């Protein structure tokens, strides 16, 4: 885990199925980049919200 990282909940659509995944990242932009690297560029990211503890 990187310094200053937080947990973000990413709601995304993959092959017509909506999924919510927790991602550790420094910013919402970095969370989106992480999802696109793992699932491919055709993945549609719907929302990125900080996880509330």
PDB file of N, CA and C in Angstrom:
ATOM      1  N   UNK A   1       0.844  -1.166   0.000  1.00  0.00           N
ATOM      2  CA  UNK A   1       0.000   0.000   0.000  1.00  0.00           C
ATOM      3  C   UNK A   1       0.892   1.232   0.000  1.00  0.00           C
ATOM      4  N   UNK A   2       0.533   2.204  -0.803  1.00  0.00           N
ATOM      5  CA  UNK A   2       1.332   3.416  -0.928  1.00  0.00           C
ATOM      6  C   UNK A   2       1.020   4.393   0.196  1.00  0.00           C
ATOM      7  N   UNK A   3       1.951   5.268   0.463  1.00  0.00           N
ATOM      8  CA  UNK A   3       1.764   6.297   1.474  1.00  0.00           C
ATOM      9  C   UNK A   3       0.631   7.232   1.048  1.00  0.00           C
ATOM     10  N   UNK A   4      -0.308   7.492   1.937  1.00  0.00           N
ATOM     11  CA  UNK A   4      -1.415   8.383   1.631  1.00  0.00           C
ATOM     12  C   UNK A   4      -2.560   7.713   0.897  1.00  0.00           C
ATOM     13  N   UNK A   5      -2.523   6.397   0.782  1.00  0.00           N
ATOM     14  CA  UNK A   5      -3.573   5.684   0.057  1.00  0.00           C
ATOM     15  C   UNK A   5      -4.817   5.528   0.925  1.00  0.00           C
ATOM     16  N   UNK A   6      -5.972   5.558   0.258  1.00  0.00           N
ATOM     17  CA  UNK A   6      -7.253   5.353   0.913  1.00  0.00           C
ATOM     18  C   UNK A   6      -7.988   4.253   0.161  1.00  0.00           C
ATOM     19  N   UNK A   7      -9.071   3.788   0.740  1.00  0.00           N
ATOM     20  CA  UNK A   7      -9.880   2.768   0.091  1.00  0.00           C
ATOM     21  C   UNK A   7     -11.039   3.447  -0.636  1.00  0.00           C
ATOM     22  N   UNK A   8     -11.198   3.127  -1.912  1.00  0.00           N
ATOM     23  CA  UNK A   8     -12.289   3.672  -2.722  1.00  0.00           C
ATOM     24  C   UNK A   8     -13.172   2.530  -3.191  1.00  0.00           C
ATOM     25  N   UNK A   9     -14.478   2.775  -3.203  1.00  0.00           N
ATOM     26  CA  UNK A   9     -15.426   1.812  -3.762  1.00  0.00           C
ATOM     27  C   UNK A   9     -15.697   2.223  -5.205  1.00  0.00           C
ATOM     28  N   UNK A  10     -15.396   1.335  -6.130  1.00  0.00           N
ATOM     29  CA  UNK A  10     -15.555   1.622  -7.555  1.00  0.00           C
ATOM     30  C   UNK A  10     -16.721   0.792  -8.081  1.00  0.00           C
ATOM     31  N   UNK A  11     -17.730   1.479  -8.602  1.00  0.00           N
ATOM     32  CA  UNK A  11     -18.852   0.810  -9.242  1.00  0.00           C
ATOM     33  C   UNK A  11     -18.587   0.833 -10.742  1.00  0.00           C
ATOM     34  N   UNK A  12     -18.583  -0.358 -11.343  1.00  0.00           N
ATOM     35  CA  UNK A  12     -18.221  -0.446 -12.758  1.00  0.00           C
ATOM     36  C   UNK A  12     -19.113  -1.442 -13.471  1.00  0.00           C
ATOM     37  N   UNK A  13     -19.142  -1.318 -14.787  1.00  0.00           N
ATOM     38  CA  UNK A  13     -19.921  -2.235 -15.620  1.00  0.00           C
ATOM     39  C   UNK A  13     -18.969  -3.022 -16.502  1.00  0.00           C
ATOM     40  N   UNK A  14     -18.989  -4.345 -16.336  1.00  0.00           N
ATOM     41  CA  UNK A  14     -18.137  -5.229 -17.124  1.00  0.00           C
ATOM     42  C   UNK A  14     -19.035  -6.247 -17.820  1.00  0.00           C
ATOM     43  N   UNK A  15     -19.046  -6.238 -19.129  1.00  0.00           N
ATOM     44  CA  UNK A  15     -19.856  -7.166 -19.927  1.00  0.00           C
ATOM     45  C   UNK A  15     -21.328  -7.135 -19.523  1.00  0.00           C
ATOM     46  N   UNK A  16     -21.856  -5.957 -19.249  1.00  0.00           N
ATOM     47  CA  UNK A  16     -23.264  -5.812 -18.902  1.00  0.00           C
ATOM     48  C   UNK A  16     -23.602  -6.094 -17.452  1.00  0.00           C
ATOM     49  N   UNK A  17     -22.611  -6.432 -16.627  1.00  0.00           N
ATOM     50  CA  UNK A  17     -22.833  -6.732 -15.213  1.00  0.00           C
ATOM     51  C   UNK A  17     -22.218  -5.613 -14.375  1.00  0.00           C
ATOM     52  N   UNK A  18     -23.015  -5.067 -13.437  1.00  0.00           N
ATOM     53  CA  UNK A  18     -22.528  -3.995 -12.573  1.00  0.00           C
ATOM     54  C   UNK A  18     -21.900  -4.624 -11.328  1.00  0.00           C
ATOM     55  N   UNK A  19     -20.657  -4.241 -11.040  1.00  0.00           N
ATOM     56  CA  UNK A  19     -19.923  -4.758  -9.887  1.00  0.00           C
ATOM     57  C   UNK A  19     -19.403  -3.601  -9.048  1.00  0.00           C
ATOM     58  N   UNK A  20     -19.236  -3.840  -7.733  1.00  0.00           N
ATOM     59  CA  UNK A  20     -18.630  -2.863  -6.828  1.00  0.00           C
ATOM     60  C   UNK A  20     -17.385  -3.517  -6.235  1.00  0.00           C
ATOM     61  N   UNK A  21     -16.245  -2.841  -6.397  1.00  0.00           N
ATOM     62  CA  UNK A  21     -14.967  -3.382  -5.950  1.00  0.00           C
ATOM     63  C   UNK A  21     -14.241  -2.332  -5.101  1.00  0.00           C
ATOM     64  N   UNK A  22     -13.589  -2.767  -4.029  1.00  0.00           N
ATOM     65  CA  UNK A  22     -12.777  -1.881  -3.196  1.00  0.00           C
ATOM     66  C   UNK A  22     -11.365  -1.827  -3.773  1.00  0.00           C
ATOM     67  N   UNK A  23     -10.841  -0.598  -3.929  1.00  0.00           N
ATOM     68  CA  UNK A  23      -9.507  -0.390  -4.513  1.00  0.00           C
ATOM     69  C   UNK A  23      -8.721   0.537  -3.598  1.00  0.00           C
ATOM     70  N   UNK A  24      -7.467   0.191  -3.306  1.00  0.00           N
ATOM     71  CA  UNK A  24      -6.590   1.069  -2.546  1.00  0.00           C
ATOM     72  C   UNK A  24      -5.843   1.969  -3.517  1.00  0.00           C
ATOM     73  N   UNK A  25      -6.027   3.291  -3.351  1.00  0.00           N
ATOM     74  CA  UNK A  25      -5.383   4.255  -4.243  1.00  0.00           C
ATOM     75  C   UNK A  25      -5.248   5.588  -3.514  1.00  0.00           C
ATOM     76  N   UNK A  26      -4.437   6.476  -4.066  1.00  0.00           N
ATOM     77  CA  UNK A  26      -4.242   7.799  -3.467  1.00  0.00           C
ATOM     78  C   UNK A  26      -5.359   8.763  -3.827  1.00  0.00           C
ATOM     79  N   UNK A  27      -5.953   8.597  -5.013  1.00  0.00           N
ATOM     80  CA  UNK A  27      -6.988   9.516  -5.472  1.00  0.00           C
ATOM     81  C   UNK A  27      -8.015   8.746  -6.304  1.00  0.00           C
ATOM     82  N   UNK A  28      -9.190   9.344  -6.538  1.00  0.00           N
ATOM     83  CA  UNK A  28     -10.174   8.683  -7.394  1.00  0.00           C
ATOM     84  C   UNK A  28      -9.658   8.428  -8.814  1.00  0.00           C
ATOM     85  N   UNK A  29      -8.817   9.311  -9.297  1.00  0.00           N
ATOM     86  CA  UNK A  29      -8.246   9.142 -10.642  1.00  0.00           C
ATOM     87  C   UNK A  29      -7.363   7.903 -10.690  1.00  0.00           C
ATOM     88  N   UNK A  30      -6.539   7.713  -9.669  1.00  0.00           N
ATOM     89  CA  UNK A  30      -5.672   6.540  -9.616  1.00  0.00           C
ATOM     90  C   UNK A  30      -6.494   5.260  -9.467  1.00  0.00           C
ATOM     91  N   UNK A  31      -7.627   5.331  -8.757  1.00  0.00           N
ATOM     92  CA  UNK A  31      -8.512   4.168  -8.631  1.00  0.00           C
ATOM     93  C   UNK A  31      -9.078   3.779  -9.991  1.00  0.00           C
ATOM     94  N   UNK A  32      -9.488   4.767 -10.789  1.00  0.00           N
ATOM     95  CA  UNK A  32      -9.998   4.504 -12.143  1.00  0.00           C
ATOM     96  C   UNK A  32      -8.915   3.866 -13.021  1.00  0.00           C
ATOM     97  N   UNK A  33      -7.698   4.383 -12.927  1.00  0.00           N
ATOM     98  CA  UNK A  33      -6.595   3.845 -13.722  1.00  0.00           C
ATOM     99  C   UNK A  33      -6.311   2.393 -13.346  1.00  0.00           C
ATOM    100  N   UNK A  34      -6.361   2.088 -12.053  1.00  0.00           N
ATOM    101  CA  UNK A  34      -6.118   0.728 -11.579  1.00  0.00           C
ATOM    102  C   UNK A  34      -7.158  -0.232 -12.147  1.00  0.00           C
ATOM    103  N   UNK A  35      -8.428   0.181 -12.122  1.00  0.00           N
ATOM    104  CA  UNK A  35      -9.504  -0.659 -12.650  1.00  0.00           C
ATOM    105  C   UNK A  35      -9.316  -0.881 -14.145  1.00  0.00           C
ATOM    106  N   UNK A  36      -8.988   0.151 -14.882  1.00  0.00           N
ATOM    107  CA  UNK A  36      -8.831   0.015 -16.333  1.00  0.00           C
ATOM    108  C   UNK A  36      -7.621  -0.862 -16.694  1.00  0.00           C
ATOM    109  N   UNK A  37      -6.576  -0.830 -15.866  1.00  0.00           N
ATOM    110  CA  UNK A  37      -5.426  -1.700 -16.111  1.00  0.00           C
ATOM    111  C   UNK A  37      -5.783  -3.170 -15.881  1.00  0.00           C
ATOM    112  N   UNK A  38      -6.582  -3.443 -14.842  1.00  0.00           N
ATOM    113  CA  UNK A  38      -6.943  -4.820 -14.511  1.00  0.00           C
ATOM    114  C   UNK A  38      -8.004  -5.397 -15.440  1.00  0.00           C
ATOM    115  N   UNK A  39      -9.026  -4.604 -15.760  1.00  0.00           N
ATOM    116  CA  UNK A  39     -10.179  -5.124 -16.488  1.00  0.00           C
ATOM    117  C   UNK A  39     -10.234  -4.713 -17.950  1.00  0.00           C
ATOM    118  N   UNK A  40      -9.357  -3.842 -18.399  1.00  0.00           N
ATOM    119  CA  UNK A  40      -9.328  -3.431 -19.794  1.00  0.00           C
ATOM    120  C   UNK A  40      -9.990  -2.082 -20.010  1.00  0.00           C
ATOM    121  N   UNK A  41      -9.688  -1.469 -21.140  1.00  0.00           N
ATOM    122  CA  UNK A  41     -10.176  -0.123 -21.427  1.00  0.00           C
ATOM    123  C   UNK A  41     -11.657  -0.083 -21.754  1.00  0.00           C
ATOM    124  N   UNK A  42     -12.257  -1.219 -22.127  1.00  0.00           N
ATOM    125  CA  UNK A  42     -13.672  -1.233 -22.451  1.00  0.00           C
ATOM    126  C   UNK A  42     -14.561  -1.223 -21.210  1.00  0.00           C
ATOM    127  N   UNK A  43     -13.971  -1.346 -20.028  1.00  0.00           N
ATOM    128  CA  UNK A  43     -14.721  -1.312 -18.778  1.00  0.00           C
ATOM    129  C   UNK A  43     -15.242   0.095 -18.538  1.00  0.00           C
ATOM    130  N   UNK A  44     -16.521   0.207 -18.204  1.00  0.00           N
ATOM    131  CA  UNK A  44     -17.140   1.503 -17.953  1.00  0.00           C
ATOM    132  C   UNK A  44     -17.198   1.730 -16.440  1.00  0.00           C
ATOM    133  N   UNK A  45     -16.467   2.725 -15.944  1.00  0.00           N
ATOM    134  CA  UNK A  45     -16.463   3.067 -14.530  1.00  0.00           C
ATOM    135  C   UNK A  45     -17.625   4.025 -14.287  1.00  0.00           C
ATOM    136  N   UNK A  46     -18.556   3.627 -13.412  1.00  0.00           N
ATOM    137  CA  UNK A  46     -19.744   4.428 -13.150  1.00  0.00           C
ATOM    138  C   UNK A  46     -19.504   5.453 -12.039  1.00  0.00           C
ATOM    139  N   UNK A  47     -19.050   5.000 -10.871  1.00  0.00           N
ATOM    140  CA  UNK A  47     -18.777   5.914  -9.755  1.00  0.00           C
ATOM    141  C   UNK A  47     -17.535   5.478  -8.999  1.00  0.00           C
ATOM    142  N   UNK A  48     -16.883   6.451  -8.369  1.00  0.00           N
ATOM    143  CA  UNK A  48     -15.763   6.205  -7.469  1.00  0.00           C
ATOM    144  C   UNK A  48     -16.024   7.033  -6.207  1.00  0.00           C
ATOM    145  N   UNK A  49     -16.226   6.349  -5.086  1.00  0.00           N
ATOM    146  CA  UNK A  49     -16.510   7.042  -3.826  1.00  0.00           C
ATOM    147  C   UNK A  49     -15.563   6.547  -2.731  1.00  0.00           C
ATOM    148  N   UNK A  50     -15.145   7.436  -1.820  1.00  0.00           N
ATOM    149  CA  UNK A  50     -14.302   6.998  -0.705  1.00  0.00           C
ATOM    150  C   UNK A  50     -15.103   6.096   0.232  1.00  0.00           C
ATOM    151  N   UNK A  51     -14.455   5.045   0.723  1.00  0.00           N
ATOM    152  CA  UNK A  51     -15.126   4.138   1.660  1.00  0.00           C
ATOM    153  C   UNK A  51     -15.199   4.808   3.031  1.00  0.00           C
ATOM    154  N   UNK A  52     -16.357   4.741   3.638  1.00  0.00           N
ATOM    155  CA  UNK A  52     -16.527   5.350   4.963  1.00  0.00           C
ATOM    156  C   UNK A  52     -16.273   4.303   6.036  1.00  0.00           C
ATOM    157  N   UNK A  53     -15.412   4.636   6.971  1.00  0.00           N
ATOM    158  CA  UNK A  53     -15.042   3.694   8.028  1.00  0.00           C
ATOM    159  C   UNK A  53     -16.024   3.701   9.163  1.00  0.00           C
TER     160      UNK A  53
END
